Amino acid sequence: MCMALDCDEFYETLRKETPVARKPHQCTECSRQIEPGERYERYVGVMPRYGIDTWLTCAHCLQARAWIVRECTSWLFGAVLDDLIEHWDEDPLLR
């Protein structure tokens, strides 16, 4: 059920910050536009096979990710929505 449990590679954190947007950005998780004045997370990390990546996550997806972490202890970047859907489909108590 938890996608992160099947992952065999992990990111090494290079930088993590929660700035306030000065210009529009796109959330890596949901593709929603992060508007100027909105707080978001900027995560820069490295995975040996893929190199350096930057992930921008809106406040809405940070809340969804927090729920996944409570349920699964971890998450995968870019898969928060997929993990939520998988939990919804497999757990009748969530419906």
N, C-alpha and C. Protein backbone atom coordinates (compact mmCIF):
# COMPACT_ATOMS: atom_id res chain seq x y z
N MET A 1 0.81 -1.19 0.00
CA MET A 1 0.00 0.00 0.00
C MET A 1 0.86 1.26 0.00
N CYS A 2 1.95 1.29 0.73
CA CYS A 2 2.78 2.48 0.81
C CYS A 2 3.89 2.41 -0.23
N MET A 3 3.88 3.33 -1.18
CA MET A 3 4.81 3.29 -2.30
C MET A 3 6.26 3.41 -1.84
N ALA A 4 6.52 4.20 -0.81
CA ALA A 4 7.90 4.42 -0.36
C ALA A 4 8.53 3.15 0.18
N LEU A 5 7.72 2.22 0.65
CA LEU A 5 8.26 0.98 1.19
C LEU A 5 8.92 0.13 0.11
N ASP A 6 8.53 0.33 -1.14
CA ASP A 6 9.10 -0.44 -2.25
C ASP A 6 10.32 0.24 -2.87
N CYS A 7 10.66 1.41 -2.38
CA CYS A 7 11.76 2.18 -2.96
C CYS A 7 13.08 1.70 -2.38
N ASP A 8 14.08 1.52 -3.25
CA ASP A 8 15.38 1.06 -2.77
C ASP A 8 16.46 2.14 -2.86
N GLU A 9 16.07 3.37 -3.24
CA GLU A 9 17.02 4.48 -3.30
C GLU A 9 16.44 5.68 -2.57
N PHE A 10 17.32 6.45 -1.96
CA PHE A 10 16.86 7.60 -1.19
C PHE A 10 17.65 8.83 -1.57
N TYR A 11 17.00 9.98 -1.45
CA TYR A 11 17.65 11.25 -1.72
C TYR A 11 18.50 11.67 -0.54
N GLU A 12 19.61 12.28 -0.85
CA GLU A 12 20.41 12.94 0.17
C GLU A 12 20.03 14.42 0.11
N THR A 13 19.61 14.97 1.23
CA THR A 13 19.17 16.36 1.27
C THR A 13 20.37 17.29 1.16
N LEU A 14 20.30 18.20 0.20
CA LEU A 14 21.31 19.24 0.07
C LEU A 14 20.81 20.54 0.68
N ARG A 15 19.53 20.84 0.47
CA ARG A 15 18.93 22.06 1.01
C ARG A 15 17.42 21.89 1.07
N LYS A 16 16.84 22.38 2.15
CA LYS A 16 15.38 22.36 2.30
C LYS A 16 14.99 23.69 2.95
N GLU A 17 14.04 24.38 2.31
CA GLU A 17 13.61 25.66 2.83
C GLU A 17 12.13 25.87 2.52
N THR A 18 11.51 26.80 3.23
CA THR A 18 10.10 27.11 3.00
C THR A 18 9.96 28.61 2.75
N PRO A 19 10.31 29.04 1.55
CA PRO A 19 10.22 30.46 1.23
C PRO A 19 8.80 30.88 0.88
N VAL A 20 8.63 32.18 0.78
CA VAL A 20 7.39 32.76 0.26
C VAL A 20 7.65 33.08 -1.21
N ALA A 21 6.76 32.62 -2.07
CA ALA A 21 6.95 32.81 -3.52
C ALA A 21 6.95 34.29 -3.87
N ARG A 22 7.93 34.70 -4.67
CA ARG A 22 7.97 36.07 -5.20
C ARG A 22 7.44 36.11 -6.62
N LYS A 23 7.41 34.93 -7.26
CA LYS A 23 6.86 34.81 -8.60
C LYS A 23 6.11 33.48 -8.67
N PRO A 24 5.30 33.26 -9.69
CA PRO A 24 4.57 31.99 -9.79
C PRO A 24 5.54 30.81 -9.99
N HIS A 25 5.22 29.71 -9.35
CA HIS A 25 5.94 28.45 -9.50
C HIS A 25 4.90 27.35 -9.71
N GLN A 26 5.34 26.18 -10.11
CA GLN A 26 4.43 25.05 -10.27
C GLN A 26 4.79 23.97 -9.25
N CYS A 27 3.77 23.48 -8.54
CA CYS A 27 3.96 22.42 -7.56
C CYS A 27 4.35 21.13 -8.30
N THR A 28 5.40 20.49 -7.83
CA THR A 28 5.86 19.25 -8.44
C THR A 28 4.86 18.12 -8.24
N GLU A 29 4.10 18.17 -7.16
CA GLU A 29 3.18 17.07 -6.85
C GLU A 29 1.86 17.18 -7.62
N CYS A 30 1.21 18.34 -7.58
CA CYS A 30 -0.14 18.46 -8.14
C CYS A 30 -0.21 19.36 -9.38
N SER A 31 0.89 19.98 -9.75
CA SER A 31 0.99 20.89 -10.90
C SER A 31 0.20 22.19 -10.72
N ARG A 32 -0.35 22.42 -9.52
CA ARG A 32 -1.05 23.67 -9.24
C ARG A 32 -0.04 24.81 -9.22
N GLN A 33 -0.48 25.98 -9.64
CA GLN A 33 0.42 27.14 -9.62
C GLN A 33 0.52 27.68 -8.19
N ILE A 34 1.74 27.81 -7.73
CA ILE A 34 2.02 28.43 -6.45
C ILE A 34 2.09 29.93 -6.72
N GLU A 35 1.20 30.68 -6.10
CA GLU A 35 1.06 32.11 -6.38
C GLU A 35 2.05 32.94 -5.55
N PRO A 36 2.42 34.12 -6.06
CA PRO A 36 3.25 35.02 -5.27
C PRO A 36 2.59 35.31 -3.91
N GLY A 37 3.39 35.29 -2.86
CA GLY A 37 2.90 35.50 -1.51
C GLY A 37 2.56 34.21 -0.78
N GLU A 38 2.53 33.09 -1.51
CA GLU A 38 2.19 31.80 -0.92
C GLU A 38 3.47 31.09 -0.46
N ARG A 39 3.42 30.50 0.72
CA ARG A 39 4.56 29.74 1.23
C ARG A 39 4.57 28.35 0.59
N TYR A 40 5.74 27.85 0.29
CA TYR A 40 5.89 26.52 -0.30
C TYR A 40 7.21 25.93 0.18
N GLU A 41 7.45 24.66 -0.10
CA GLU A 41 8.71 24.03 0.26
C GLU A 41 9.57 23.87 -0.99
N ARG A 42 10.82 24.24 -0.87
CA ARG A 42 11.80 24.00 -1.94
C ARG A 42 12.81 23.01 -1.36
N TYR A 43 12.91 21.87 -2.02
CA TYR A 43 13.80 20.80 -1.57
C TYR A 43 14.80 20.52 -2.68
N VAL A 44 16.05 20.56 -2.34
CA VAL A 44 17.10 20.22 -3.29
C VAL A 44 17.80 18.99 -2.73
N GLY A 45 17.87 17.95 -3.53
CA GLY A 45 18.49 16.71 -3.08
C GLY A 45 19.17 16.01 -4.24
N VAL A 46 19.91 14.98 -3.88
CA VAL A 46 20.63 14.22 -4.89
C VAL A 46 20.37 12.73 -4.68
N MET A 47 20.17 12.04 -5.79
CA MET A 47 20.06 10.59 -5.80
C MET A 47 21.16 10.10 -6.73
N PRO A 48 21.98 9.17 -6.28
CA PRO A 48 23.14 8.77 -7.07
C PRO A 48 22.86 8.48 -8.54
N ARG A 49 21.78 7.79 -8.84
CA ARG A 49 21.51 7.40 -10.22
C ARG A 49 20.97 8.54 -11.08
N TYR A 50 20.34 9.54 -10.45
CA TYR A 50 19.68 10.60 -11.21
C TYR A 50 20.32 11.97 -11.08
N GLY A 51 21.16 12.18 -10.11
CA GLY A 51 21.79 13.48 -9.92
C GLY A 51 20.96 14.40 -9.05
N ILE A 52 21.17 15.70 -9.19
CA ILE A 52 20.53 16.70 -8.36
C ILE A 52 19.15 17.05 -8.92
N ASP A 53 18.17 17.13 -8.02
CA ASP A 53 16.80 17.53 -8.37
C ASP A 53 16.32 18.61 -7.42
N THR A 54 15.42 19.44 -7.90
CA THR A 54 14.74 20.42 -7.07
C THR A 54 13.25 20.15 -7.14
N TRP A 55 12.60 20.08 -5.98
CA TRP A 55 11.18 19.81 -5.90
C TRP A 55 10.51 20.98 -5.20
N LEU A 56 9.46 21.52 -5.79
CA LEU A 56 8.67 22.59 -5.20
C LEU A 56 7.32 22.00 -4.81
N THR A 57 6.94 22.17 -3.54
CA THR A 57 5.71 21.56 -3.05
C THR A 57 4.83 22.63 -2.40
N CYS A 58 3.58 22.73 -2.88
CA CYS A 58 2.64 23.72 -2.34
C CYS A 58 2.18 23.31 -0.95
N ALA A 59 1.58 24.24 -0.23
CA ALA A 59 1.11 23.98 1.13
C ALA A 59 0.06 22.88 1.18
N HIS A 60 -0.78 22.77 0.15
CA HIS A 60 -1.81 21.73 0.11
C HIS A 60 -1.17 20.34 0.06
N CYS A 61 -0.20 20.19 -0.81
CA CYS A 61 0.46 18.89 -0.95
C CYS A 61 1.33 18.56 0.26
N LEU A 62 1.84 19.59 0.94
CA LEU A 62 2.59 19.34 2.18
C LEU A 62 1.67 18.70 3.22
N GLN A 63 0.40 19.13 3.27
CA GLN A 63 -0.55 18.53 4.20
C GLN A 63 -0.85 17.08 3.81
N ALA A 64 -1.03 16.83 2.53
CA ALA A 64 -1.27 15.46 2.06
C ALA A 64 -0.06 14.59 2.36
N ARG A 65 1.12 15.13 2.14
CA ARG A 65 2.35 14.37 2.41
C ARG A 65 2.48 14.07 3.90
N ALA A 66 2.10 15.01 4.76
CA ALA A 66 2.16 14.77 6.21
C ALA A 66 1.27 13.59 6.59
N TRP A 67 0.09 13.49 5.96
CA TRP A 67 -0.79 12.36 6.25
C TRP A 67 -0.13 11.05 5.82
N ILE A 68 0.47 11.05 4.63
CA ILE A 68 1.14 9.84 4.14
C ILE A 68 2.27 9.44 5.07
N VAL A 69 3.03 10.40 5.57
CA VAL A 69 4.12 10.10 6.49
C VAL A 69 3.57 9.48 7.78
N ARG A 70 2.43 9.98 8.26
CA ARG A 70 1.83 9.38 9.46
C ARG A 70 1.41 7.93 9.20
N GLU A 71 0.94 7.65 7.99
CA GLU A 71 0.48 6.30 7.65
C GLU A 71 1.61 5.36 7.26
N CYS A 72 2.62 5.89 6.57
CA CYS A 72 3.65 5.04 5.95
C CYS A 72 5.08 5.31 6.44
N THR A 73 5.28 6.34 7.19
CA THR A 73 6.58 6.79 7.69
C THR A 73 7.47 7.48 6.66
N SER A 74 7.10 7.45 5.38
CA SER A 74 7.90 8.10 4.35
C SER A 74 7.04 8.35 3.11
N TRP A 75 7.62 9.00 2.11
CA TRP A 75 6.90 9.31 0.87
C TRP A 75 7.91 9.35 -0.27
N LEU A 76 7.39 9.38 -1.50
CA LEU A 76 8.21 9.54 -2.69
C LEU A 76 7.87 10.87 -3.34
N PHE A 77 8.89 11.63 -3.71
CA PHE A 77 8.65 12.88 -4.43
C PHE A 77 7.94 12.57 -5.74
N GLY A 78 6.95 13.35 -6.04
CA GLY A 78 6.21 13.19 -7.28
C GLY A 78 5.15 12.11 -7.25
N ALA A 79 4.97 11.46 -6.09
CA ALA A 79 4.01 10.36 -6.01
C ALA A 79 2.99 10.53 -4.89
N VAL A 80 2.89 11.72 -4.33
CA VAL A 80 1.95 11.93 -3.23
C VAL A 80 0.52 11.64 -3.67
N LEU A 81 0.11 12.17 -4.80
CA LEU A 81 -1.26 11.93 -5.27
C LEU A 81 -1.49 10.45 -5.54
N ASP A 82 -0.56 9.79 -6.18
CA ASP A 82 -0.70 8.35 -6.46
C ASP A 82 -0.83 7.56 -5.16
N ASP A 83 -0.03 7.92 -4.16
CA ASP A 83 -0.08 7.22 -2.88
C ASP A 83 -1.43 7.45 -2.19
N LEU A 84 -1.94 8.68 -2.25
CA LEU A 84 -3.26 8.96 -1.67
C LEU A 84 -4.35 8.12 -2.35
N ILE A 85 -4.31 8.07 -3.67
CA ILE A 85 -5.30 7.29 -4.42
C ILE A 85 -5.20 5.81 -4.06
N GLU A 86 -3.99 5.31 -3.93
CA GLU A 86 -3.80 3.91 -3.58
C GLU A 86 -4.38 3.61 -2.19
N HIS A 87 -4.15 4.50 -1.24
CA HIS A 87 -4.73 4.32 0.10
C HIS A 87 -6.25 4.36 0.03
N TRP A 88 -6.79 5.29 -0.72
CA TRP A 88 -8.24 5.43 -0.86
C TRP A 88 -8.85 4.15 -1.44
N ASP A 89 -8.23 3.62 -2.49
CA ASP A 89 -8.75 2.42 -3.15
C ASP A 89 -8.66 1.18 -2.27
N GLU A 90 -7.64 1.08 -1.43
CA GLU A 90 -7.40 -0.14 -0.66
C GLU A 90 -7.99 -0.13 0.75
N ASP A 91 -8.37 1.04 1.28
CA ASP A 91 -8.84 1.12 2.65
C ASP A 91 -10.31 1.58 2.67
N PRO A 92 -11.25 0.67 2.92
CA PRO A 92 -12.67 1.05 2.91
C PRO A 92 -13.03 2.06 4.01
N LEU A 93 -12.23 2.18 5.05
CA LEU A 93 -12.51 3.13 6.12
C LEU A 93 -12.29 4.58 5.68
N LEU A 94 -11.55 4.78 4.60
CA LEU A 94 -11.30 6.13 4.10
C LEU A 94 -12.44 6.62 3.22
N ARG A 95 -13.28 5.73 2.75
CA ARG A 95 -14.37 6.13 1.86
C ARG A 95 -15.61 6.55 2.57
